Amino acid sequence: MTEDQFMGNIYQRFPVTIERGLGAHVWDINNKEYIDCMGGYGVALVGHCNPRVVKAIKAQIEKIITVHSSLYNKTREEFLENLIKIAPKGLDQIYLNNSGTEAVEAAIKFARKFTGRKGMVAMNGSYHGKSFGSLSVTFNPKYRKSFEPLLGDVTFSPFGDIEALRKSVTSDTAFVILEPIQGESGIHVAPDGFLQEVRKICNEKGALLIFDEIQAGLGRTGKLWASQHWETVPDIMCLAKGIAGGVPMGATLVRSEILATISKGEQSSTFGGNPLSCAAGIATIQALTEDGLVVNAEKMGKIFREGLERLQEKHKIIREIRGKGLMIGVEMKFDVKDILYDGIANNLLLLYSGKNILRLLPPLVISESDINKTLETLDNILTKEEQRRNV
C-alpha cells in the first residue's frame, strides 16, 4: 500500500480501503459494505456522515474555516454554551484543543498549577494518550519503556482497589486520573462504589479528581457521561473522539476556580476552538440530545449484550463479556486476530483491546437489525474458530 510507504510502520493496518460511510455502515473502494463495530475507535459516535454534522460543516465552511481564540467567534460561543448545558454540574469552563491526548495534557497542567503539588496517581490498565504527559499516566509498559524517563512523581494504583488507592494518595498528590470504564485495556468497568470512594479520598487529601471520558463519554454507555452510572462528578473532565462528529476536537472541562489559576499564555492551542470543529460539535450535541442517541445506546447495548451472552453459552471460546451501553468488551480464551480478519471477510469491522479481547464501539445510531446481523456473523466466525482449534 502507498500509505505504508509514506506513513511508516506505526499503525496496525487491516487490508481494507474505506471510501465512504453512512450511519453504522462503511463501504470500501470495491463497494463492499461493512457493519462498522470499530467506529473509528469511537470517533464515529453519531454515525458516519451524520446529516446534522454534514449540514453544519457545509454551512460553516462557506463562512470561515479558522478563527484563532485571540479573536471571538459566534460558532465557538454557541458550541461552548451547548457543551456547558450538558456538562456535569460545576464544570463550567472549557479549554478547547484538538484530541484526547491534548485534553489530558491540559488537565495535568491545570491540576498541578491549581494545587501547587507534583504527585500524580493513575490506574493500572489506564490509557490516556501517547504524548509525553499523557503517556506518563498511561500504564502499559509497551507504550512507555522506549521513551523513558517520562514525567516523575507518577504512581499507578490497581483499578477498583480503594484501599490501595488510599495509600497512594499523599499530601503531595495533585490529582487522581481515571477512566470510569477503561477502554484500551479491555473494557473494564469501575466496581460499584469505587468512584464515590475515590471522590471522598480526593476531597480528604485536597487532590483533584480527573475523569477521562474520551472514550466512555457523550452517551456511549447509555448515559450522557459514564460517571453518571455512579453519580460522581470530577473536578476536571477530558473529552474528545466523537465530540465533533468525526472532525478533530478535544475539550478539557474544569471548575472555574481551577482555570482561573492559569495565566494568559500558559496554555493555548492554534487550532483549538476552530469554527469548523465547533460547528460540527454543535450538531453532534444536537444529535445526542434531540435524536435519542443516548437512549438508543442503552437500548441497543442491552440487546447486544444479551445476544453476546447467548453466544457465550454456546461458544466455550468466550471467557467474559464486559461493558455498558455500546462500549462492550468480549474476552476470548485465544488471540482474536483471526476473528478480526474473518470479520472483514464477512462484511464486519471489529476492534480489539490487546491480543484476546474484542472491543465493540459501534456508532450510537446502530439498529437492532445490524446488531442481529453482527451476532449472526460472530456466531458463524466463532464456530469456525472453535473447529480450527478443536475446542
Protein backbone atom coordinates (compact mmCIF):
# COMPACT_ATOMS: atom_id res chain seq x y z
CA MET A 1 0.00 0.00 0.00
CA THR A 2 1.25 3.50 -0.86
CA GLU A 3 0.15 4.79 2.56
CA ASP A 4 2.60 2.40 4.25
CA GLN A 5 5.40 3.71 2.04
CA PHE A 6 4.91 7.24 3.33
CA MET A 7 3.50 6.70 6.86
CA GLY A 8 5.88 4.01 8.03
CA ASN A 9 5.13 1.05 10.27
CA ILE A 10 3.28 2.96 13.01
CA TYR A 11 -0.28 1.61 12.85
CA GLN A 12 -1.70 -1.89 12.97
CA ARG A 13 -3.25 -1.93 9.48
CA PHE A 14 -6.03 -4.07 8.05
CA PRO A 15 -6.43 -4.83 4.33
CA VAL A 16 -9.44 -2.57 3.78
CA THR A 17 -9.52 0.79 1.98
CA ILE A 18 -12.59 2.68 3.15
CA GLU A 19 -14.17 5.04 0.65
CA ARG A 20 -17.39 6.24 2.26
CA GLY A 21 -19.72 5.76 5.23
CA LEU A 22 -23.25 6.37 6.38
CA GLY A 23 -24.63 5.70 9.84
CA ALA A 24 -23.24 2.40 11.14
CA HIS A 25 -22.07 1.25 7.69
CA VAL A 26 -18.96 1.86 5.61
CA TRP A 27 -18.03 0.87 2.05
CA ASP A 28 -14.60 0.08 0.62
CA ILE A 29 -13.23 1.09 -2.80
CA ASN A 30 -14.79 -2.04 -4.29
CA ASN A 31 -18.19 -1.01 -2.92
CA LYS A 32 -18.18 -3.85 -0.38
CA GLU A 33 -20.39 -2.89 2.56
CA TYR A 34 -19.46 -3.46 6.21
CA ILE A 35 -21.26 -3.09 9.52
CA ASP A 36 -18.86 -0.90 11.46
CA CYS A 37 -18.36 -2.04 15.07
CA MET A 38 -14.93 -0.39 15.07
CA GLY A 39 -16.46 3.08 14.79
CA GLY A 40 -13.16 4.83 14.18
CA TYR A 41 -12.05 3.83 17.70
CA GLY A 42 -15.18 5.55 18.99
CA VAL A 43 -14.94 8.68 16.84
CA ALA A 44 -17.97 7.81 14.65
CA LEU A 45 -20.16 8.36 17.70
CA VAL A 46 -23.22 9.84 15.99
CA GLY A 47 -22.75 7.80 12.83
CA HIS A 48 -20.70 8.27 9.69
CA CYS A 49 -21.72 11.41 7.79
CA ASN A 50 -24.42 12.23 10.32
CA PRO A 51 -26.83 14.54 8.42
CA ARG A 52 -26.74 17.20 11.13
CA VAL A 53 -22.94 17.23 11.16
CA VAL A 54 -22.63 17.31 7.36
CA LYS A 55 -25.09 20.20 7.10
CA ALA A 56 -23.31 22.16 9.84
CA ILE A 57 -19.87 21.70 8.26
CA LYS A 58 -21.15 22.74 4.83
CA ALA A 59 -22.74 25.88 6.26
CA GLN A 60 -19.67 26.82 8.32
CA ILE A 61 -17.11 26.18 5.59
CA GLU A 62 -18.78 28.82 3.43
CA LYS A 63 -18.46 31.41 6.22
CA ILE A 64 -14.95 30.99 7.64
CA ILE A 65 -12.76 27.98 8.45
CA THR A 66 -10.34 29.28 11.05
CA VAL A 67 -10.56 31.91 13.78
CA HIS A 68 -7.83 31.87 16.44
CA SER A 69 -9.07 32.09 20.01
CA SER A 70 -7.42 35.50 20.39
CA LEU A 71 -10.48 36.67 18.43
CA TYR A 72 -14.13 35.95 19.20
CA ASN A 73 -16.38 33.77 17.07
CA LYS A 74 -20.13 33.15 17.38
CA THR A 75 -19.93 29.49 16.31
CA ARG A 76 -17.40 28.82 19.06
CA GLU A 77 -19.57 30.71 21.55
CA GLU A 78 -22.61 28.62 20.64
CA PHE A 79 -20.67 25.37 20.96
CA LEU A 80 -19.34 26.32 24.39
CA GLU A 81 -22.83 27.24 25.59
CA ASN A 82 -24.22 23.93 24.32
CA LEU A 83 -21.46 21.86 25.93
CA ILE A 84 -21.77 23.62 29.28
CA LYS A 85 -25.53 22.93 29.27
CA ILE A 86 -24.93 19.18 29.23
CA ALA A 87 -21.75 19.12 31.34
CA PRO A 88 -21.70 17.70 34.88
CA LYS A 89 -22.65 20.30 37.47
CA GLY A 90 -19.76 22.54 38.48
CA LEU A 91 -17.70 22.03 35.34
CA ASP A 92 -18.46 25.47 33.99
CA GLN A 93 -15.40 26.41 31.95
CA ILE A 94 -13.76 24.75 28.95
CA TYR A 95 -10.35 24.68 27.32
CA LEU A 96 -10.70 23.63 23.68
CA ASN A 97 -8.00 21.64 21.93
CA ASN A 98 -7.72 19.00 19.21
CA SER A 99 -7.55 15.49 20.66
CA GLY A 100 -7.84 13.30 23.71
CA THR A 101 -4.15 13.34 24.49
CA GLU A 102 -4.16 17.16 24.38
CA ALA A 103 -7.19 17.26 26.67
CA VAL A 104 -5.25 15.13 29.18
CA GLU A 105 -2.07 17.21 28.83
CA ALA A 106 -4.05 20.32 29.72
CA ALA A 107 -5.72 18.57 32.66
CA ILE A 108 -2.32 17.61 34.08
CA LYS A 109 -1.06 21.19 33.84
CA PHE A 110 -4.23 22.71 35.28
CA ALA A 111 -4.26 20.32 38.25
CA ARG A 112 -0.60 20.84 39.10
CA LYS A 113 -0.88 24.63 38.84
CA PHE A 114 -4.06 24.81 40.92
CA THR A 115 -2.86 22.53 43.73
CA GLY A 116 0.80 23.53 43.70
CA ARG A 117 1.60 19.83 44.01
CA LYS A 118 3.58 17.45 41.80
CA GLY A 119 2.32 13.96 42.60
CA MET A 120 0.09 12.14 40.10
CA VAL A 121 -1.90 8.96 40.63
CA ALA A 122 -3.26 6.90 37.73
CA MET A 123 -4.68 3.40 37.48
CA ASN A 124 -3.22 0.08 36.44
CA GLY A 125 -4.65 -0.58 32.97
CA SER A 126 -5.09 3.13 32.24
CA TYR A 127 -4.81 4.66 28.80
CA HIS A 128 -4.71 8.46 28.47
CA GLY A 129 -2.71 9.04 25.29
CA LYS A 130 0.79 8.88 23.87
CA SER A 131 2.15 12.42 24.09
CA PHE A 132 4.72 12.91 26.83
CA GLY A 133 2.49 13.91 29.75
CA SER A 134 -0.45 11.69 28.87
CA LEU A 135 1.93 8.78 28.27
CA SER A 136 3.33 9.31 31.75
CA VAL A 137 -0.08 8.43 33.24
CA THR A 138 -0.71 5.59 30.76
CA PHE A 139 0.00 2.23 32.36
CA ASN A 140 1.05 -0.21 29.64
CA PRO A 141 4.87 -0.62 29.70
CA LYS A 142 4.98 -1.41 25.97
CA TYR A 143 3.99 2.18 25.22
CA ARG A 144 6.23 3.71 27.88
CA LYS A 145 9.59 1.97 28.00
CA SER A 146 11.13 3.27 24.75
CA PHE A 147 10.58 6.87 25.84
CA GLU A 148 11.57 6.80 29.49
CA PRO A 149 12.32 8.69 31.61
CA LEU A 150 8.85 10.22 31.42
CA LEU A 151 7.32 12.61 33.96
CA GLY A 152 8.29 11.73 37.50
CA ASP A 153 6.07 11.54 40.57
CA VAL A 154 3.56 9.15 38.95
CA THR A 155 2.08 6.29 40.98
CA PHE A 156 -0.11 3.56 39.49
CA SER A 157 -2.79 2.02 41.68
CA PRO A 158 -4.89 -1.11 40.96
CA PHE A 159 -8.17 -0.14 39.28
CA GLY A 160 -11.04 -0.81 41.67
CA ASP A 161 -8.89 -1.28 44.81
CA ILE A 162 -9.86 1.60 47.07
CA GLU A 163 -7.54 0.65 49.92
CA ALA A 164 -4.52 0.59 47.61
CA LEU A 165 -5.55 3.99 46.28
CA ARG A 166 -5.90 5.38 49.77
CA LYS A 167 -2.25 4.51 50.41
CA SER A 168 -1.16 6.05 47.09
CA VAL A 169 -2.71 9.49 47.60
CA THR A 170 -0.47 11.70 49.75
CA SER A 171 -0.23 15.34 50.79
CA ASP A 172 1.77 15.97 47.58
CA THR A 173 -0.76 14.37 45.22
CA ALA A 174 -2.05 16.93 42.72
CA PHE A 175 -4.64 14.65 41.15
CA VAL A 176 -6.04 11.20 40.63
CA ILE A 177 -6.88 10.44 36.98
CA LEU A 178 -9.01 7.53 35.82
CA GLU A 179 -11.41 6.27 33.17
CA PRO A 180 -14.79 5.30 34.68
CA ILE A 181 -14.69 2.45 32.18
CA GLN A 182 -11.23 1.54 30.96
CA GLY A 183 -11.15 1.20 27.19
CA GLU A 184 -7.78 0.24 25.75
CA SER A 185 -7.01 -2.32 28.44
CA GLY A 186 -10.16 -4.32 27.68
CA ILE A 187 -13.39 -2.54 28.73
CA HIS A 188 -13.05 -2.80 32.49
CA VAL A 189 -15.95 -1.22 34.38
CA ALA A 190 -15.34 0.52 37.70
CA PRO A 191 -16.75 -1.57 40.58
CA ASP A 192 -19.85 -0.16 42.26
CA GLY A 193 -18.89 2.34 44.92
CA PHE A 194 -15.33 2.81 43.68
CA LEU A 195 -15.75 6.23 42.04
CA GLN A 196 -17.66 7.57 45.03
CA GLU A 197 -14.84 6.48 47.36
CA VAL A 198 -12.19 7.96 45.06
CA ARG A 199 -14.10 11.25 45.21
CA LYS A 200 -14.07 11.12 49.02
CA ILE A 201 -10.34 10.41 49.16
CA CYS A 202 -9.56 13.32 46.82
CA ASN A 203 -11.70 15.63 48.96
CA GLU A 204 -9.99 14.47 52.14
CA LYS A 205 -6.47 14.82 50.71
CA GLY A 206 -7.00 18.05 48.76
CA ALA A 207 -6.25 16.35 45.44
CA LEU A 208 -8.23 16.93 42.25
CA LEU A 209 -10.20 14.17 40.57
CA ILE A 210 -9.85 13.93 36.78
CA PHE A 211 -12.16 11.73 34.74
CA ASP A 212 -11.04 10.69 31.28
CA GLU A 213 -14.35 10.26 29.43
CA ILE A 214 -12.72 10.45 26.00
CA GLN A 215 -13.99 7.01 25.01
CA ALA A 216 -16.79 6.38 27.51
CA GLY A 217 -18.45 9.80 27.50
CA LEU A 218 -21.06 11.50 25.32
CA GLY A 219 -23.70 8.82 25.54
CA ARG A 220 -21.72 5.74 24.61
CA THR A 221 -22.55 3.86 27.82
CA GLY A 222 -26.27 4.65 27.76
CA LYS A 223 -25.88 7.76 29.91
CA LEU A 224 -24.51 11.08 28.71
CA TRP A 225 -21.49 10.67 31.00
CA ALA A 226 -20.19 7.30 32.15
CA SER A 227 -19.62 8.74 35.63
CA GLN A 228 -23.39 9.25 35.92
CA HIS A 229 -23.72 5.49 36.45
CA TRP A 230 -22.09 6.15 39.82
CA GLU A 231 -23.41 9.69 40.43
CA THR A 232 -19.91 11.10 40.80
CA VAL A 233 -18.66 14.44 39.46
CA PRO A 234 -14.95 15.14 38.87
CA ASP A 235 -13.06 18.43 39.14
CA ILE A 236 -11.78 18.08 35.58
CA MET A 237 -13.15 16.01 32.70
CA CYS A 238 -11.40 15.20 29.42
CA LEU A 239 -13.38 14.73 26.20
CA ALA A 240 -12.51 14.05 22.56
CA LYS A 241 -13.13 11.27 20.00
CA GLY A 242 -16.75 11.72 18.84
CA ILE A 243 -17.32 15.18 20.30
CA ALA A 244 -17.36 16.81 16.83
CA GLY A 245 -18.91 14.01 14.80
CA GLY A 246 -15.61 12.89 13.30
CA VAL A 247 -13.83 16.24 12.99
CA PRO A 248 -10.75 16.52 15.27
CA MET A 249 -11.56 18.15 18.61
CA GLY A 250 -10.74 17.78 22.27
CA ALA A 251 -12.04 19.58 25.35
CA THR A 252 -10.94 19.88 28.96
CA LEU A 253 -13.85 20.81 31.22
CA VAL A 254 -12.93 22.35 34.57
CA ARG A 255 -14.26 24.10 37.61
CA SER A 256 -13.85 27.85 37.07
CA GLU A 257 -11.57 28.38 40.08
CA ILE A 258 -9.11 25.88 38.59
CA LEU A 259 -8.89 27.60 35.21
CA ALA A 260 -8.61 30.96 36.97
CA THR A 261 -5.11 29.99 38.15
CA ILE A 262 -3.83 29.69 34.56
CA SER A 263 -2.23 32.92 33.36
CA LYS A 264 -2.53 34.19 29.81
CA GLY A 265 -0.08 32.34 27.57
CA GLU A 266 0.46 29.38 29.92
CA GLN A 267 -1.81 27.18 27.82
CA SER A 268 -3.05 27.70 24.26
CA SER A 269 -3.81 25.91 21.01
CA THR A 270 -3.58 27.31 17.48
CA PHE A 271 -6.42 25.12 16.24
CA GLY A 272 -8.38 24.79 19.50
CA GLY A 273 -11.90 26.16 19.09
CA ASN A 274 -11.69 26.04 15.30
CA PRO A 275 -15.11 27.17 13.94
CA LEU A 276 -15.38 24.12 11.68
CA SER A 277 -14.93 21.76 14.63
CA CYS A 278 -17.26 23.86 16.76
CA ALA A 279 -20.00 23.78 14.11
CA ALA A 280 -19.66 20.00 13.93
CA GLY A 281 -19.68 19.88 17.73
CA ILE A 282 -22.95 21.82 17.96
CA ALA A 283 -24.54 19.37 15.52
CA THR A 284 -23.15 16.39 17.47
CA ILE A 285 -24.64 17.62 20.74
CA GLN A 286 -27.96 18.19 18.98
CA ALA A 287 -27.87 14.66 17.57
CA LEU A 288 -27.16 13.23 21.02
CA THR A 289 -29.78 15.25 22.88
CA GLU A 290 -32.55 15.63 20.28
CA ASP A 291 -32.35 12.41 18.24
CA GLY A 292 -32.48 9.93 21.11
CA LEU A 293 -28.99 8.52 20.59
CA VAL A 294 -28.18 8.17 24.30
CA VAL A 295 -31.38 6.20 24.83
CA ASN A 296 -30.60 4.16 21.71
CA ALA A 297 -27.13 3.36 23.11
CA GLU A 298 -28.73 1.99 26.26
CA LYS A 299 -31.38 0.02 24.37
CA MET A 300 -29.12 -1.37 21.64
CA GLY A 301 -26.39 -2.05 24.19
CA LYS A 302 -28.78 -4.24 26.16
CA ILE A 303 -29.79 -6.15 23.02
CA PHE A 304 -26.15 -6.56 22.01
CA ARG A 305 -25.11 -7.71 25.48
CA GLU A 306 -27.96 -10.26 25.74
CA GLY A 307 -27.07 -11.63 22.30
CA LEU A 308 -23.41 -11.93 23.23
CA GLU A 309 -24.34 -13.73 26.43
CA ARG A 310 -26.27 -16.26 24.36
CA LEU A 311 -23.17 -16.74 22.23
CA GLN A 312 -21.13 -17.22 25.39
CA GLU A 313 -23.40 -20.09 26.41
CA LYS A 314 -22.82 -21.69 23.01
CA HIS A 315 -19.13 -20.98 22.46
CA LYS A 316 -16.54 -22.08 25.01
CA ILE A 317 -14.02 -19.73 23.39
CA ILE A 318 -15.71 -16.73 25.10
CA ARG A 319 -14.36 -16.13 28.59
CA GLU A 320 -16.18 -12.94 29.69
CA ILE A 321 -18.36 -10.08 28.44
CA ARG A 322 -17.95 -6.61 29.98
CA GLY A 323 -19.13 -3.06 29.49
CA LYS A 324 -22.09 -0.71 29.48
CA GLY A 325 -24.27 0.51 26.63
CA LEU A 326 -22.41 0.37 23.31
CA MET A 327 -18.98 0.07 24.92
CA ILE A 328 -18.52 -3.68 25.09
CA GLY A 329 -15.55 -5.99 25.56
CA VAL A 330 -15.63 -9.69 24.70
CA GLU A 331 -12.68 -11.52 26.24
CA MET A 332 -11.68 -14.69 24.43
CA LYS A 333 -9.56 -17.60 25.55
CA PHE A 334 -7.38 -17.19 22.46
CA ASP A 335 -5.87 -14.50 20.24
CA VAL A 336 -8.58 -12.61 18.31
CA LYS A 337 -6.50 -11.82 15.21
CA ASP A 338 -8.17 -14.48 13.06
CA ILE A 339 -11.60 -13.34 14.26
CA LEU A 340 -10.83 -9.77 13.13
CA TYR A 341 -9.79 -10.92 9.66
CA ASP A 342 -12.74 -13.31 9.39
CA GLY A 343 -14.96 -10.39 10.28
CA ILE A 344 -13.55 -8.37 7.38
CA ALA A 345 -14.16 -11.30 5.04
CA ASN A 346 -17.77 -11.41 6.26
CA ASN A 347 -18.60 -7.69 6.00
CA LEU A 348 -17.96 -6.83 9.65
CA LEU A 349 -15.36 -4.46 11.10
CA LEU A 350 -14.30 -5.28 14.65
CA LEU A 351 -11.86 -3.69 17.06
CA TYR A 352 -9.54 -5.23 19.64
CA SER A 353 -8.06 -4.48 23.07
CA GLY A 354 -4.86 -6.42 23.48
CA LYS A 355 -4.43 -9.84 21.96
CA ASN A 356 -7.53 -11.65 23.20
CA ILE A 357 -10.31 -9.07 23.60
CA LEU A 358 -12.80 -7.88 21.01
CA ARG A 359 -13.79 -4.26 21.61
CA LEU A 360 -17.16 -3.17 20.20
CA LEU A 361 -17.63 0.60 19.71
CA PRO A 362 -20.33 0.92 17.03
CA PRO A 363 -21.94 4.28 16.24
CA LEU A 364 -24.82 5.08 18.57
CA VAL A 365 -27.20 5.07 15.57
CA ILE A 366 -26.75 1.32 15.09
CA SER A 367 -30.03 -0.58 14.60
CA GLU A 368 -31.33 -3.79 16.09
CA SER A 369 -31.15 -5.34 12.61
CA ASP A 370 -27.43 -4.55 12.35
CA ILE A 371 -26.81 -5.96 15.83
CA ASN A 372 -28.60 -9.17 14.92
CA LYS A 373 -26.54 -9.47 11.73
CA THR A 374 -23.38 -8.85 13.75
CA LEU A 375 -24.33 -11.55 16.25
CA GLU A 376 -25.12 -14.00 13.46
CA THR A 377 -21.79 -13.28 11.78
CA LEU A 378 -19.91 -13.65 15.06
CA ASP A 379 -21.70 -16.93 15.73
CA ASN A 380 -20.50 -18.34 12.40
CA ILE A 381 -16.97 -17.00 12.87
CA LEU A 382 -16.66 -18.43 16.39
CA THR A 383 -17.95 -21.81 15.22
CA LYS A 384 -15.21 -21.93 12.58
CA GLU A 385 -12.62 -20.69 15.06
CA GLU A 386 -13.50 -23.44 17.52
CA GLN A 387 -13.35 -26.03 14.76
CA ARG A 388 -9.87 -24.77 13.83
CA ARG A 389 -8.75 -25.03 17.44
CA ASN A 390 -10.61 -28.29 18.15
CA VAL A 391 -12.41 -26.68 21.10
